């Protein structure tokens, strides 16, 4: 499932999701995908949505866990990025290459 996958409405998700941790994660994931899709449909560039989402996420991690943990988390993401974990094939080449 991604931002372009059909997702149930918030009401459908709320009605069927058990409000435990996994249910809340799924509900939030569905809302997050709807946010991305709505932004793209309104003409917001995909990379702009991504940048804003990443910035908001970093603020959230810092607020909950502190700067040290946020830095460790981001260093882990950098390592994953460098090893190609986030590589996306595009027109016969890898984006960013």
PDB file of N, CA and C in Angstrom:
ATOM      1  N   UNK A   1       0.845  -1.174   0.000  1.00  0.00           N
ATOM      2  CA  UNK A   1       0.000   0.000   0.000  1.00  0.00           C
ATOM      3  C   UNK A   1       0.890   1.236   0.000  1.00  0.00           C
ATOM      4  N   UNK A   2       0.514   2.230  -0.807  1.00  0.00           N
ATOM      5  CA  UNK A   2       1.240   3.487  -0.835  1.00  0.00           C
ATOM      6  C   UNK A   2       0.258   4.622  -1.053  1.00  0.00           C
ATOM      7  N   UNK A   3       0.765   5.812  -1.292  1.00  0.00           N
ATOM      8  CA  UNK A   3      -0.090   6.985  -1.409  1.00  0.00           C
ATOM      9  C   UNK A   3      -1.081   6.878  -2.557  1.00  0.00           C
ATOM     10  N   UNK A   4      -0.792   6.059  -3.539  1.00  0.00           N
ATOM     11  CA  UNK A   4      -1.685   5.935  -4.677  1.00  0.00           C
ATOM     12  C   UNK A   4      -2.602   4.728  -4.580  1.00  0.00           C
ATOM     13  N   UNK A   5      -2.467   3.921  -3.533  1.00  0.00           N
ATOM     14  CA  UNK A   5      -3.329   2.763  -3.335  1.00  0.00           C
ATOM     15  C   UNK A   5      -4.687   3.209  -2.831  1.00  0.00           C
ATOM     16  N   UNK A   6      -5.742   2.506  -3.261  1.00  0.00           N
ATOM     17  CA  UNK A   6      -7.049   2.864  -2.713  1.00  0.00           C
ATOM     18  C   UNK A   6      -7.063   2.569  -1.210  1.00  0.00           C
ATOM     19  N   UNK A   7      -7.577   3.481  -0.455  1.00  0.00           N
ATOM     20  CA  UNK A   7      -7.639   3.291   0.987  1.00  0.00           C
ATOM     21  C   UNK A   7      -9.059   3.525   1.455  1.00  0.00           C
ATOM     22  N   UNK A   8      -9.444   2.855   2.529  1.00  0.00           N
ATOM     23  CA  UNK A   8     -10.775   3.104   3.063  1.00  0.00           C
ATOM     24  C   UNK A   8     -10.865   4.510   3.641  1.00  0.00           C
ATOM     25  N   UNK A   9     -12.072   5.004   3.765  1.00  0.00           N
ATOM     26  CA  UNK A   9     -12.253   6.313   4.374  1.00  0.00           C
ATOM     27  C   UNK A   9     -11.874   6.228   5.844  1.00  0.00           C
ATOM     28  N   UNK A  10     -11.674   7.380   6.452  1.00  0.00           N
ATOM     29  CA  UNK A  10     -11.348   7.418   7.877  1.00  0.00           C
ATOM     30  C   UNK A  10     -12.456   6.749   8.674  1.00  0.00           C
ATOM     31  N   UNK A  11     -13.706   7.005   8.293  1.00  0.00           N
ATOM     32  CA  UNK A  11     -14.842   6.410   9.008  1.00  0.00           C
ATOM     33  C   UNK A  11     -14.823   4.891   8.886  1.00  0.00           C
ATOM     34  N   UNK A  12     -14.532   4.371   7.677  1.00  0.00           N
ATOM     35  CA  UNK A  12     -14.455   2.919   7.490  1.00  0.00           C
ATOM     36  C   UNK A  12     -13.335   2.325   8.323  1.00  0.00           C
ATOM     37  N   UNK A  13     -12.183   2.986   8.285  1.00  0.00           N
ATOM     38  CA  UNK A  13     -11.047   2.501   9.053  1.00  0.00           C
ATOM     39  C   UNK A  13     -11.364   2.535  10.536  1.00  0.00           C
ATOM     40  N   UNK A  14     -11.959   3.618  10.983  1.00  0.00           N
ATOM     41  CA  UNK A  14     -12.288   3.758  12.403  1.00  0.00           C
ATOM     42  C   UNK A  14     -13.286   2.693  12.837  1.00  0.00           C
ATOM     43  N   UNK A  15     -14.245   2.414  11.999  1.00  0.00           N
ATOM     44  CA  UNK A  15     -15.280   1.453  12.350  1.00  0.00           C
ATOM     45  C   UNK A  15     -14.743   0.033  12.429  1.00  0.00           C
ATOM     46  N   UNK A  16     -13.734  -0.291  11.629  1.00  0.00           N
ATOM     47  CA  UNK A  16     -13.247  -1.662  11.580  1.00  0.00           C
ATOM     48  C   UNK A  16     -11.975  -1.893  12.371  1.00  0.00           C
ATOM     49  N   UNK A  17     -11.206  -0.855  12.630  1.00  0.00           N
ATOM     50  CA  UNK A  17      -9.917  -1.023  13.302  1.00  0.00           C
ATOM     51  C   UNK A  17     -10.113  -1.197  14.804  1.00  0.00           C
ATOM     52  N   UNK A  18      -9.441  -2.188  15.322  1.00  0.00           N
ATOM     53  CA  UNK A  18      -9.388  -2.317  16.766  1.00  0.00           C
ATOM     54  C   UNK A  18      -8.438  -1.232  17.240  1.00  0.00           C
ATOM     55  N   UNK A  19      -8.849  -0.456  18.228  1.00  0.00           N
ATOM     56  CA  UNK A  19      -8.048   0.688  18.623  1.00  0.00           C
ATOM     57  C   UNK A  19      -6.917   0.295  19.558  1.00  0.00           C
ATOM     58  N   UNK A  20      -6.207  -0.750  19.186  1.00  0.00           N
ATOM     59  CA  UNK A  20      -4.969  -1.086  19.862  1.00  0.00           C
ATOM     60  C   UNK A  20      -3.837  -0.432  19.089  1.00  0.00           C
ATOM     61  N   UNK A  21      -2.619  -0.697  19.463  1.00  0.00           N
ATOM     62  CA  UNK A  21      -1.497  -0.030  18.801  1.00  0.00           C
ATOM     63  C   UNK A  21      -1.468  -0.315  17.301  1.00  0.00           C
ATOM     64  N   UNK A  22      -1.674  -1.560  16.902  1.00  0.00           N
ATOM     65  CA  UNK A  22      -1.631  -1.892  15.473  1.00  0.00           C
ATOM     66  C   UNK A  22      -2.804  -1.242  14.734  1.00  0.00           C
ATOM     67  N   UNK A  23      -3.970  -1.223  15.333  1.00  0.00           N
ATOM     68  CA  UNK A  23      -5.121  -0.573  14.725  1.00  0.00           C
ATOM     69  C   UNK A  23      -4.881   0.917  14.522  1.00  0.00           C
ATOM     70  N   UNK A  24      -4.260   1.545  15.523  1.00  0.00           N
ATOM     71  CA  UNK A  24      -3.958   2.971  15.416  1.00  0.00           C
ATOM     72  C   UNK A  24      -2.912   3.223  14.341  1.00  0.00           C
ATOM     73  N   UNK A  25      -1.910   2.353  14.251  1.00  0.00           N
ATOM     74  CA  UNK A  25      -0.892   2.504  13.197  1.00  0.00           C
ATOM     75  C   UNK A  25      -1.526   2.423  11.819  1.00  0.00           C
ATOM     76  N   UNK A  26      -2.407   1.439  11.625  1.00  0.00           N
ATOM     77  CA  UNK A  26      -3.053   1.277  10.326  1.00  0.00           C
ATOM     78  C   UNK A  26      -3.931   2.481  10.005  1.00  0.00           C
ATOM     79  N   UNK A  27      -4.670   2.958  10.990  1.00  0.00           N
ATOM     80  CA  UNK A  27      -5.519   4.126  10.795  1.00  0.00           C
ATOM     81  C   UNK A  27      -4.685   5.345  10.407  1.00  0.00           C
ATOM     82  N   UNK A  28      -3.589   5.563  11.116  1.00  0.00           N
ATOM     83  CA  UNK A  28      -2.720   6.689  10.802  1.00  0.00           C
ATOM     84  C   UNK A  28      -2.084   6.527   9.424  1.00  0.00           C
ATOM     85  N   UNK A  29      -1.672   5.308   9.079  1.00  0.00           N
ATOM     86  CA  UNK A  29      -1.085   5.049   7.765  1.00  0.00           C
ATOM     87  C   UNK A  29      -2.083   5.405   6.660  1.00  0.00           C
ATOM     88  N   UNK A  30      -3.338   5.013   6.840  1.00  0.00           N
ATOM     89  CA  UNK A  30      -4.368   5.334   5.848  1.00  0.00           C
ATOM     90  C   UNK A  30      -4.563   6.845   5.724  1.00  0.00           C
ATOM     91  N   UNK A  31      -4.578   7.542   6.859  1.00  0.00           N
ATOM     92  CA  UNK A  31      -4.732   8.994   6.834  1.00  0.00           C
ATOM     93  C   UNK A  31      -3.524   9.659   6.181  1.00  0.00           C
ATOM     94  N   UNK A  32      -2.339   9.145   6.469  1.00  0.00           N
ATOM     95  CA  UNK A  32      -1.108   9.669   5.896  1.00  0.00           C
ATOM     96  C   UNK A  32      -1.129   9.520   4.374  1.00  0.00           C
ATOM     97  N   UNK A  33      -1.530   8.351   3.893  1.00  0.00           N
ATOM     98  CA  UNK A  33      -1.608   8.139   2.445  1.00  0.00           C
ATOM     99  C   UNK A  33      -2.633   9.060   1.804  1.00  0.00           C
ATOM    100  N   UNK A  34      -3.757   9.285   2.462  1.00  0.00           N
ATOM    101  CA  UNK A  34      -4.772  10.193   1.930  1.00  0.00           C
ATOM    102  C   UNK A  34      -4.213  11.616   1.857  1.00  0.00           C
ATOM    103  N   UNK A  35      -3.450  12.020   2.870  1.00  0.00           N
ATOM    104  CA  UNK A  35      -2.811  13.341   2.883  1.00  0.00           C
ATOM    105  C   UNK A  35      -1.907  13.514   1.659  1.00  0.00           C
ATOM    106  N   UNK A  36      -1.048  12.507   1.393  1.00  0.00           N
ATOM    107  CA  UNK A  36      -0.143  12.578   0.247  1.00  0.00           C
ATOM    108  C   UNK A  36      -0.927  12.662  -1.061  1.00  0.00           C
ATOM    109  N   UNK A  37      -1.922  11.804  -1.208  1.00  0.00           N
ATOM    110  CA  UNK A  37      -2.703  11.779  -2.439  1.00  0.00           C
ATOM    111  C   UNK A  37      -3.431  13.105  -2.648  1.00  0.00           C
ATOM    112  N   UNK A  38      -4.034  13.643  -1.585  1.00  0.00           N
ATOM    113  CA  UNK A  38      -4.723  14.931  -1.696  1.00  0.00           C
ATOM    114  C   UNK A  38      -3.757  16.038  -2.103  1.00  0.00           C
ATOM    115  N   UNK A  39      -2.586  16.062  -1.510  1.00  0.00           N
ATOM    116  CA  UNK A  39      -1.591  17.075  -1.864  1.00  0.00           C
ATOM    117  C   UNK A  39      -1.196  16.988  -3.325  1.00  0.00           C
ATOM    118  N   UNK A  40      -0.952  15.762  -3.800  1.00  0.00           N
ATOM    119  CA  UNK A  40      -0.569  15.581  -5.205  1.00  0.00           C
ATOM    120  C   UNK A  40      -1.703  15.993  -6.136  1.00  0.00           C
ATOM    121  N   UNK A  41      -2.946  15.656  -5.758  1.00  0.00           N
ATOM    122  CA  UNK A  41      -4.097  16.027  -6.590  1.00  0.00           C
ATOM    123  C   UNK A  41      -4.288  17.546  -6.631  1.00  0.00           C
ATOM    124  N   UNK A  42      -3.833  18.235  -5.601  1.00  0.00           N
ATOM    125  CA  UNK A  42      -3.930  19.700  -5.566  1.00  0.00           C
ATOM    126  C   UNK A  42      -2.731  20.369  -6.230  1.00  0.00           C
ATOM    127  N   UNK A  43      -1.822  19.566  -6.777  1.00  0.00           N
ATOM    128  CA  UNK A  43      -0.699  20.110  -7.525  1.00  0.00           C
ATOM    129  C   UNK A  43       0.561  20.351  -6.717  1.00  0.00           C
ATOM    130  N   UNK A  44       0.591  19.896  -5.474  1.00  0.00           N
ATOM    131  CA  UNK A  44       1.802  20.057  -4.673  1.00  0.00           C
ATOM    132  C   UNK A  44       2.825  19.038  -5.164  1.00  0.00           C
ATOM    133  N   UNK A  45       4.025  19.489  -5.411  1.00  0.00           N
ATOM    134  CA  UNK A  45       5.084  18.602  -5.896  1.00  0.00           C
ATOM    135  C   UNK A  45       5.370  17.511  -4.866  1.00  0.00           C
ATOM    136  N   UNK A  46       5.588  16.310  -5.361  1.00  0.00           N
ATOM    137  CA  UNK A  46       5.842  15.143  -4.510  1.00  0.00           C
ATOM    138  C   UNK A  46       7.011  15.394  -3.559  1.00  0.00           C
ATOM    139  N   UNK A  47       8.093  15.995  -4.066  1.00  0.00           N
ATOM    140  CA  UNK A  47       9.255  16.230  -3.209  1.00  0.00           C
ATOM    141  C   UNK A  47       8.972  17.286  -2.147  1.00  0.00           C
ATOM    142  N   UNK A  48       8.064  18.224  -2.427  1.00  0.00           N
ATOM    143  CA  UNK A  48       7.684  19.212  -1.416  1.00  0.00           C
ATOM    144  C   UNK A  48       6.920  18.533  -0.284  1.00  0.00           C
ATOM    145  N   UNK A  49       5.997  17.661  -0.637  1.00  0.00           N
ATOM    146  CA  UNK A  49       5.257  16.909   0.381  1.00  0.00           C
ATOM    147  C   UNK A  49       6.227  16.068   1.208  1.00  0.00           C
ATOM    148  N   UNK A  50       7.173  15.436   0.537  1.00  0.00           N
ATOM    149  CA  UNK A  50       8.149  14.590   1.244  1.00  0.00           C
ATOM    150  C   UNK A  50       8.992  15.415   2.208  1.00  0.00           C
ATOM    151  N   UNK A  51       9.479  16.560   1.766  1.00  0.00           N
ATOM    152  CA  UNK A  51      10.311  17.406   2.615  1.00  0.00           C
ATOM    153  C   UNK A  51       9.547  17.877   3.843  1.00  0.00           C
ATOM    154  N   UNK A  52       8.319  18.321   3.641  1.00  0.00           N
ATOM    155  CA  UNK A  52       7.506  18.781   4.768  1.00  0.00           C
ATOM    156  C   UNK A  52       7.202  17.639   5.734  1.00  0.00           C
ATOM    157  N   UNK A  53       6.925  16.462   5.200  1.00  0.00           N
ATOM    158  CA  UNK A  53       6.631  15.299   6.033  1.00  0.00           C
ATOM    159  C   UNK A  53       7.848  14.903   6.858  1.00  0.00           C
ATOM    160  N   UNK A  54       9.014  14.891   6.218  1.00  0.00           N
ATOM    161  CA  UNK A  54      10.241  14.536   6.940  1.00  0.00           C
ATOM    162  C   UNK A  54      10.536  15.546   8.035  1.00  0.00           C
ATOM    163  N   UNK A  55      10.370  16.816   7.746  1.00  0.00           N
ATOM    164  CA  UNK A  55      10.627  17.859   8.743  1.00  0.00           C
ATOM    165  C   UNK A  55       9.696  17.693   9.936  1.00  0.00           C
ATOM    166  N   UNK A  56       8.410  17.505   9.677  1.00  0.00           N
ATOM    167  CA  UNK A  56       7.449  17.311  10.766  1.00  0.00           C
ATOM    168  C   UNK A  56       7.785  16.059  11.573  1.00  0.00           C
ATOM    169  N   UNK A  57       8.213  15.013  10.894  1.00  0.00           N
ATOM    170  CA  UNK A  57       8.572  13.775  11.581  1.00  0.00           C
ATOM    171  C   UNK A  57       9.770  13.966  12.501  1.00  0.00           C
ATOM    172  N   UNK A  58      10.769  14.689  12.025  1.00  0.00           N
ATOM    173  CA  UNK A  58      11.960  14.932  12.849  1.00  0.00           C
ATOM    174  C   UNK A  58      11.583  15.727  14.090  1.00  0.00           C
ATOM    175  N   UNK A  59      10.745  16.748  13.925  1.00  0.00           N
ATOM    176  CA  UNK A  59      10.279  17.509  15.093  1.00  0.00           C
ATOM    177  C   UNK A  59       9.582  16.584  16.093  1.00  0.00           C
ATOM    178  N   UNK A  60       8.766  15.673  15.587  1.00  0.00           N
ATOM    179  CA  UNK A  60       8.052  14.751  16.454  1.00  0.00           C
ATOM    180  C   UNK A  60       8.975  13.822  17.221  1.00  0.00           C
ATOM    181  N   UNK A  61       9.985  13.279  16.539  1.00  0.00           N
ATOM    182  CA  UNK A  61      10.944  12.383  17.199  1.00  0.00           C
ATOM    183  C   UNK A  61      11.745  13.151  18.247  1.00  0.00           C
ATOM    184  N   UNK A  62      12.180  14.359  17.923  1.00  0.00           N
ATOM    185  CA  UNK A  62      12.929  15.172  18.889  1.00  0.00           C
ATOM    186  C   UNK A  62      12.055  15.484  20.104  1.00  0.00           C
ATOM    187  N   UNK A  63      10.802  15.866  19.866  1.00  0.00           N
ATOM    188  CA  UNK A  63       9.906  16.208  20.971  1.00  0.00           C
ATOM    189  C   UNK A  63       9.665  15.020  21.895  1.00  0.00           C
ATOM    190  N   UNK A  64       9.534  13.837  21.330  1.00  0.00           N
ATOM    191  CA  UNK A  64       9.225  12.657  22.145  1.00  0.00           C
ATOM    192  C   UNK A  64      10.469  12.027  22.756  1.00  0.00           C
ATOM    193  N   UNK A  65      11.571  11.958  22.000  1.00  0.00           N
ATOM    194  CA  UNK A  65      12.726  11.172  22.426  1.00  0.00           C
ATOM    195  C   UNK A  65      13.995  11.979  22.667  1.00  0.00           C
ATOM    196  N   UNK A  66      14.016  13.240  22.283  1.00  0.00           N
ATOM    197  CA  UNK A  66      15.199  14.071  22.461  1.00  0.00           C
ATOM    198  C   UNK A  66      16.097  14.064  21.239  1.00  0.00           C
ATOM    199  N   UNK A  67      17.018  15.035  21.231  1.00  0.00           N
ATOM    200  CA  UNK A  67      17.891  15.213  20.071  1.00  0.00           C
ATOM    201  C   UNK A  67      18.832  14.042  19.850  1.00  0.00           C
ATOM    202  N   UNK A  68      19.384  13.489  20.929  1.00  0.00           N
ATOM    203  CA  UNK A  68      20.330  12.376  20.784  1.00  0.00           C
ATOM    204  C   UNK A  68      19.712  11.183  20.078  1.00  0.00           C
ATOM    205  N   UNK A  69      18.520  10.790  20.499  1.00  0.00           N
ATOM    206  CA  UNK A  69      17.835   9.658  19.865  1.00  0.00           C
ATOM    207  C   UNK A  69      17.474   9.990  18.428  1.00  0.00           C
ATOM    208  N   UNK A  70      17.036  11.236  18.184  1.00  0.00           N
ATOM    209  CA  UNK A  70      16.699  11.642  16.819  1.00  0.00           C
ATOM    210  C   UNK A  70      17.925  11.558  15.915  1.00  0.00           C
ATOM    211  N   UNK A  71      19.063  11.984  16.423  1.00  0.00           N
ATOM    212  CA  UNK A  71      20.305  11.920  15.646  1.00  0.00           C
ATOM    213  C   UNK A  71      20.661  10.470  15.333  1.00  0.00           C
ATOM    214  N   UNK A  72      20.560   9.592  16.315  1.00  0.00           N
ATOM    215  CA  UNK A  72      20.851   8.166  16.085  1.00  0.00           C
ATOM    216  C   UNK A  72      19.909   7.586  15.033  1.00  0.00           C
ATOM    217  N   UNK A  73      18.635   7.932  15.126  1.00  0.00           N
ATOM    218  CA  UNK A  73      17.645   7.463  14.164  1.00  0.00           C
ATOM    219  C   UNK A  73      17.996   7.942  12.755  1.00  0.00           C
ATOM    220  N   UNK A  74      18.326   9.224  12.643  1.00  0.00           N
ATOM    221  CA  UNK A  74      18.664   9.783  11.336  1.00  0.00           C
ATOM    222  C   UNK A  74      19.964   9.203  10.789  1.00  0.00           C
ATOM    223  N   UNK A  75      20.938   8.950  11.666  1.00  0.00           N
ATOM    224  CA  UNK A  75      22.178   8.312  11.216  1.00  0.00           C
ATOM    225  C   UNK A  75      21.892   6.913  10.665  1.00  0.00           C
ATOM    226  N   UNK A  76      20.946   6.208  11.297  1.00  0.00           N
ATOM    227  CA  UNK A  76      20.541   4.894  10.787  1.00  0.00           C
ATOM    228  C   UNK A  76      19.905   5.011   9.408  1.00  0.00           C
ATOM    229  N   UNK A  77      19.083   6.040   9.223  1.00  0.00           N
ATOM    230  CA  UNK A  77      18.482   6.250   7.907  1.00  0.00           C
ATOM    231  C   UNK A  77      19.529   6.595   6.852  1.00  0.00           C
ATOM    232  N   UNK A  78      20.502   7.413   7.238  1.00  0.00           N
ATOM    233  CA  UNK A  78      21.581   7.763   6.309  1.00  0.00           C
ATOM    234  C   UNK A  78      22.333   6.496   5.891  1.00  0.00           C
ATOM    235  N   UNK A  79      22.637   5.636   6.850  1.00  0.00           N
ATOM    236  CA  UNK A  79      23.340   4.385   6.532  1.00  0.00           C
ATOM    237  C   UNK A  79      22.502   3.532   5.583  1.00  0.00           C
ATOM    238  N   UNK A  80      21.199   3.448   5.841  1.00  0.00           N
ATOM    239  CA  UNK A  80      20.317   2.678   4.960  1.00  0.00           C
ATOM    240  C   UNK A  80      20.262   3.279   3.566  1.00  0.00           C
ATOM    241  N   UNK A  81      20.233   4.595   3.492  1.00  0.00           N
ATOM    242  CA  UNK A  81      20.216   5.278   2.200  1.00  0.00           C
ATOM    243  C   UNK A  81      21.502   4.998   1.430  1.00  0.00           C
ATOM    244  N   UNK A  82      22.627   5.056   2.128  1.00  0.00           N
ATOM    245  CA  UNK A  82      23.924   4.817   1.471  1.00  0.00           C
ATOM    246  C   UNK A  82      24.073   3.397   0.962  1.00  0.00           C
ATOM    247  N   UNK A  83      23.421   2.436   1.609  1.00  0.00           N
ATOM    248  CA  UNK A  83      23.524   1.042   1.163  1.00  0.00           C
ATOM    249  C   UNK A  83      22.502   0.700   0.092  1.00  0.00           C
ATOM    250  N   UNK A  84      21.680   1.675  -0.301  1.00  0.00           N
ATOM    251  CA  UNK A  84      20.729   1.454  -1.379  1.00  0.00           C
ATOM    252  C   UNK A  84      19.365   0.941  -0.942  1.00  0.00           C
ATOM    253  N   UNK A  85      19.104   0.925   0.353  1.00  0.00           N
ATOM    254  CA  UNK A  85      17.826   0.412   0.843  1.00  0.00           C
ATOM    255  C   UNK A  85      16.636   1.184   0.290  1.00  0.00           C
ATOM    256  N   UNK A  86      16.819   2.466   0.012  1.00  0.00           N
ATOM    257  CA  UNK A  86      15.730   3.298  -0.484  1.00  0.00           C
ATOM    258  C   UNK A  86      15.803   3.524  -1.992  1.00  0.00           C
ATOM    259  N   UNK A  87      16.682   2.809  -2.681  1.00  0.00           N
ATOM    260  CA  UNK A  87      16.854   2.998  -4.121  1.00  0.00           C
ATOM    261  C   UNK A  87      15.569   2.653  -4.869  1.00  0.00           C
ATOM    262  N   UNK A  88      15.247   3.483  -5.842  1.00  0.00           N
ATOM    263  CA  UNK A  88      14.071   3.280  -6.677  1.00  0.00           C
ATOM    264  C   UNK A  88      14.533   3.290  -8.124  1.00  0.00           C
ATOM    265  N   UNK A  89      14.253   2.215  -8.833  1.00  0.00           N
ATOM    266  CA  UNK A  89      14.611   2.158 -10.245  1.00  0.00           C
ATOM    267  C   UNK A  89      13.755   3.152 -11.009  1.00  0.00           C
ATOM    268  N   UNK A  90      14.383   3.933 -11.868  1.00  0.00           N
ATOM    269  CA  UNK A  90      13.667   4.947 -12.645  1.00  0.00           C
ATOM    270  C   UNK A  90      14.295   5.049 -14.009  1.00  0.00           C
ATOM    271  N   UNK A  91      13.534   4.750 -15.030  1.00  0.00           N
ATOM    272  CA  UNK A  91      13.981   4.866 -16.424  1.00  0.00           C
ATOM    273  C   UNK A  91      15.324   4.179 -16.649  1.00  0.00           C
ATOM    274  N   UNK A  92      15.454   2.966 -16.126  1.00  0.00           N
ATOM    275  CA  UNK A  92      16.658   2.202 -16.377  1.00  0.00           C
ATOM    276  C   UNK A  92      17.830   2.564 -15.505  1.00  0.00           C
ATOM    277  N   UNK A  93      17.678   3.498 -14.579  1.00  0.00           N
ATOM    278  CA  UNK A  93      18.772   3.838 -13.671  1.00  0.00           C
ATOM    279  C   UNK A  93      18.186   4.059 -12.285  1.00  0.00           C
ATOM    280  N   UNK A  94      19.026   4.109 -11.309  1.00  0.00           N
ATOM    281  CA  UNK A  94      18.585   4.349  -9.953  1.00  0.00           C
ATOM    282  C   UNK A  94      18.537   5.846  -9.699  1.00  0.00           C
ATOM    283  N   UNK A  95      17.435   6.306  -9.109  1.00  0.00           N
ATOM    284  CA  UNK A  95      17.321   7.733  -8.808  1.00  0.00           C
ATOM    285  C   UNK A  95      18.424   8.131  -7.862  1.00  0.00           C
ATOM    286  N   UNK A  96      18.993   9.280  -8.084  1.00  0.00           N
ATOM    287  CA  UNK A  96      20.048   9.795  -7.222  1.00  0.00           C
ATOM    288  C   UNK A  96      21.428   9.349  -7.659  1.00  0.00           C
ATOM    289  N   UNK A  97      21.465   8.447  -8.611  1.00  0.00           N
ATOM    290  CA  UNK A  97      22.778   7.950  -9.072  1.00  0.00           C
ATOM    291  C   UNK A  97      23.296   8.827 -10.192  1.00  0.00           C
TER     292      UNK A  97
END
